[in-house]
Amino acid sequence: MASAPFVSAAESQSNALGFPSAGLFTEHPIQDRTDEEMKTLAEKIFDDLMKELLA
């Protein structure tokens, strides 16, 4: 799980390791978000995260 600018890095790493590319990516930037903004971002991807974890 990472923010959107790291999609290509995650794909490159997956390819280098021989694993399928997988991951959940959220809006960027992260570091200057308020607690409330982070909660909103987490709520947006929670269902997808749970599907991935339970798959």
N, C-alpha and C. Protein backbone atom coordinates (compact mmCIF):
# COMPACT_ATOMS: atom_id res chain seq x y z
N MET A 1 0.85 -1.16 0.00
CA MET A 1 0.00 0.00 0.00
C MET A 1 0.90 1.22 0.00
N ALA A 2 0.57 2.15 -0.89
CA ALA A 2 1.37 3.37 -1.01
C ALA A 2 0.53 4.43 -1.70
N SER A 3 1.11 5.61 -1.85
CA SER A 3 0.40 6.65 -2.57
C SER A 3 0.71 6.55 -4.07
N ALA A 4 -0.12 7.17 -4.86
CA ALA A 4 -0.13 7.02 -6.32
C ALA A 4 1.21 7.17 -7.03
N PRO A 5 2.09 8.08 -6.66
CA PRO A 5 3.35 8.21 -7.39
C PRO A 5 4.26 6.97 -7.33
N PHE A 6 3.93 6.04 -6.47
CA PHE A 6 4.77 4.86 -6.30
C PHE A 6 4.29 3.64 -7.08
N VAL A 7 3.29 3.82 -7.94
CA VAL A 7 2.76 2.71 -8.74
C VAL A 7 3.86 2.10 -9.61
N SER A 8 4.59 2.93 -10.35
CA SER A 8 5.61 2.38 -11.25
C SER A 8 6.74 1.71 -10.47
N ALA A 9 7.10 2.25 -9.32
CA ALA A 9 8.14 1.62 -8.50
C ALA A 9 7.67 0.25 -8.00
N ALA A 10 6.42 0.16 -7.61
CA ALA A 10 5.87 -1.13 -7.14
C ALA A 10 5.84 -2.14 -8.27
N GLU A 11 5.46 -1.70 -9.47
CA GLU A 11 5.44 -2.60 -10.62
C GLU A 11 6.85 -3.08 -10.97
N SER A 12 7.81 -2.17 -10.94
CA SER A 12 9.20 -2.54 -11.24
C SER A 12 9.73 -3.55 -10.23
N GLN A 13 9.44 -3.31 -8.96
CA GLN A 13 9.90 -4.22 -7.91
C GLN A 13 9.25 -5.60 -8.07
N SER A 14 7.96 -5.61 -8.37
CA SER A 14 7.26 -6.89 -8.58
C SER A 14 7.87 -7.66 -9.74
N ASN A 15 8.12 -6.96 -10.83
CA ASN A 15 8.73 -7.61 -11.99
C ASN A 15 10.12 -8.15 -11.67
N ALA A 16 10.91 -7.37 -10.95
CA ALA A 16 12.26 -7.79 -10.60
C ALA A 16 12.25 -9.04 -9.72
N LEU A 17 11.24 -9.16 -8.88
CA LEU A 17 11.15 -10.30 -7.97
C LEU A 17 10.37 -11.47 -8.56
N GLY A 18 9.76 -11.26 -9.73
CA GLY A 18 9.02 -12.32 -10.38
C GLY A 18 7.64 -12.57 -9.80
N PHE A 19 7.08 -11.56 -9.18
CA PHE A 19 5.74 -11.67 -8.61
C PHE A 19 4.78 -10.78 -9.39
N PRO A 20 3.51 -11.15 -9.41
CA PRO A 20 2.54 -10.27 -10.07
C PRO A 20 2.44 -8.93 -9.34
N SER A 21 2.23 -7.90 -10.10
CA SER A 21 2.08 -6.57 -9.50
C SER A 21 0.76 -6.49 -8.77
N ALA A 22 0.81 -6.09 -7.54
CA ALA A 22 -0.40 -5.95 -6.73
C ALA A 22 -0.19 -4.82 -5.76
N GLY A 23 -1.26 -4.23 -5.34
CA GLY A 23 -1.15 -3.18 -4.34
C GLY A 23 -2.34 -2.27 -4.39
N LEU A 24 -2.47 -1.52 -3.36
CA LEU A 24 -3.50 -0.49 -3.29
C LEU A 24 -2.80 0.85 -3.19
N PHE A 25 -3.28 1.79 -3.95
CA PHE A 25 -2.64 3.10 -4.00
C PHE A 25 -3.68 4.17 -3.71
N THR A 26 -3.28 5.12 -2.89
CA THR A 26 -4.17 6.19 -2.48
C THR A 26 -3.66 7.52 -3.01
N GLU A 27 -4.42 8.55 -2.78
CA GLU A 27 -4.04 9.88 -3.24
C GLU A 27 -2.73 10.33 -2.60
N HIS A 28 -2.07 11.24 -3.28
CA HIS A 28 -0.80 11.79 -2.83
C HIS A 28 -0.96 13.29 -2.71
N PRO A 29 -0.30 13.98 -1.86
CA PRO A 29 0.68 13.54 -0.87
C PRO A 29 0.01 13.05 0.41
N ILE A 30 0.81 12.41 1.24
CA ILE A 30 0.33 11.87 2.51
C ILE A 30 0.82 12.69 3.69
N GLN A 31 2.10 13.04 3.69
CA GLN A 31 2.72 13.58 4.90
C GLN A 31 2.12 14.87 5.43
N ASP A 32 1.48 15.67 4.61
CA ASP A 32 0.94 16.92 5.12
C ASP A 32 -0.58 16.87 5.36
N ARG A 33 -1.14 15.68 5.38
CA ARG A 33 -2.58 15.52 5.62
C ARG A 33 -2.91 15.63 7.10
N THR A 34 -4.10 16.15 7.37
CA THR A 34 -4.58 16.18 8.75
C THR A 34 -5.08 14.79 9.12
N ASP A 35 -5.29 14.58 10.40
CA ASP A 35 -5.83 13.29 10.85
C ASP A 35 -7.17 13.01 10.18
N GLU A 36 -7.99 14.02 10.05
CA GLU A 36 -9.32 13.83 9.43
C GLU A 36 -9.17 13.47 7.95
N GLU A 37 -8.25 14.11 7.26
CA GLU A 37 -8.02 13.78 5.84
C GLU A 37 -7.50 12.35 5.69
N MET A 38 -6.63 11.93 6.59
CA MET A 38 -6.12 10.56 6.54
C MET A 38 -7.24 9.56 6.80
N LYS A 39 -8.12 9.89 7.71
CA LYS A 39 -9.26 9.01 7.99
C LYS A 39 -10.13 8.88 6.75
N THR A 40 -10.37 9.97 6.06
CA THR A 40 -11.18 9.95 4.84
C THR A 40 -10.52 9.08 3.77
N LEU A 41 -9.20 9.24 3.59
CA LEU A 41 -8.48 8.41 2.61
C LEU A 41 -8.58 6.93 2.98
N ALA A 42 -8.42 6.62 4.25
CA ALA A 42 -8.50 5.22 4.70
C ALA A 42 -9.89 4.65 4.46
N GLU A 43 -10.90 5.43 4.71
CA GLU A 43 -12.27 4.95 4.50
C GLU A 43 -12.54 4.67 3.03
N LYS A 44 -11.93 5.45 2.13
CA LYS A 44 -12.13 5.25 0.70
C LYS A 44 -11.60 3.91 0.22
N ILE A 45 -10.52 3.43 0.82
CA ILE A 45 -9.90 2.19 0.33
C ILE A 45 -10.12 0.99 1.25
N PHE A 46 -10.83 1.18 2.35
CA PHE A 46 -10.98 0.12 3.33
C PHE A 46 -11.56 -1.16 2.74
N ASP A 47 -12.64 -1.06 1.99
CA ASP A 47 -13.27 -2.26 1.42
C ASP A 47 -12.31 -2.99 0.48
N ASP A 48 -11.59 -2.24 -0.35
CA ASP A 48 -10.62 -2.87 -1.26
C ASP A 48 -9.49 -3.52 -0.47
N LEU A 49 -9.04 -2.87 0.57
CA LEU A 49 -7.99 -3.45 1.41
C LEU A 49 -8.43 -4.76 2.03
N MET A 50 -9.64 -4.80 2.55
CA MET A 50 -10.15 -6.02 3.16
C MET A 50 -10.27 -7.14 2.13
N LYS A 51 -10.71 -6.83 0.92
CA LYS A 51 -10.80 -7.84 -0.14
C LYS A 51 -9.43 -8.42 -0.44
N GLU A 52 -8.41 -7.57 -0.53
CA GLU A 52 -7.06 -8.05 -0.79
C GLU A 52 -6.53 -8.91 0.33
N LEU A 53 -6.77 -8.51 1.56
CA LEU A 53 -6.28 -9.26 2.71
C LEU A 53 -6.96 -10.62 2.85
N LEU A 54 -8.21 -10.70 2.45
CA LEU A 54 -8.97 -11.93 2.61
C LEU A 54 -8.91 -12.83 1.37
N ALA A 55 -8.31 -12.35 0.32
CA ALA A 55 -8.22 -13.13 -0.94
C ALA A 55 -7.19 -14.25 -0.82
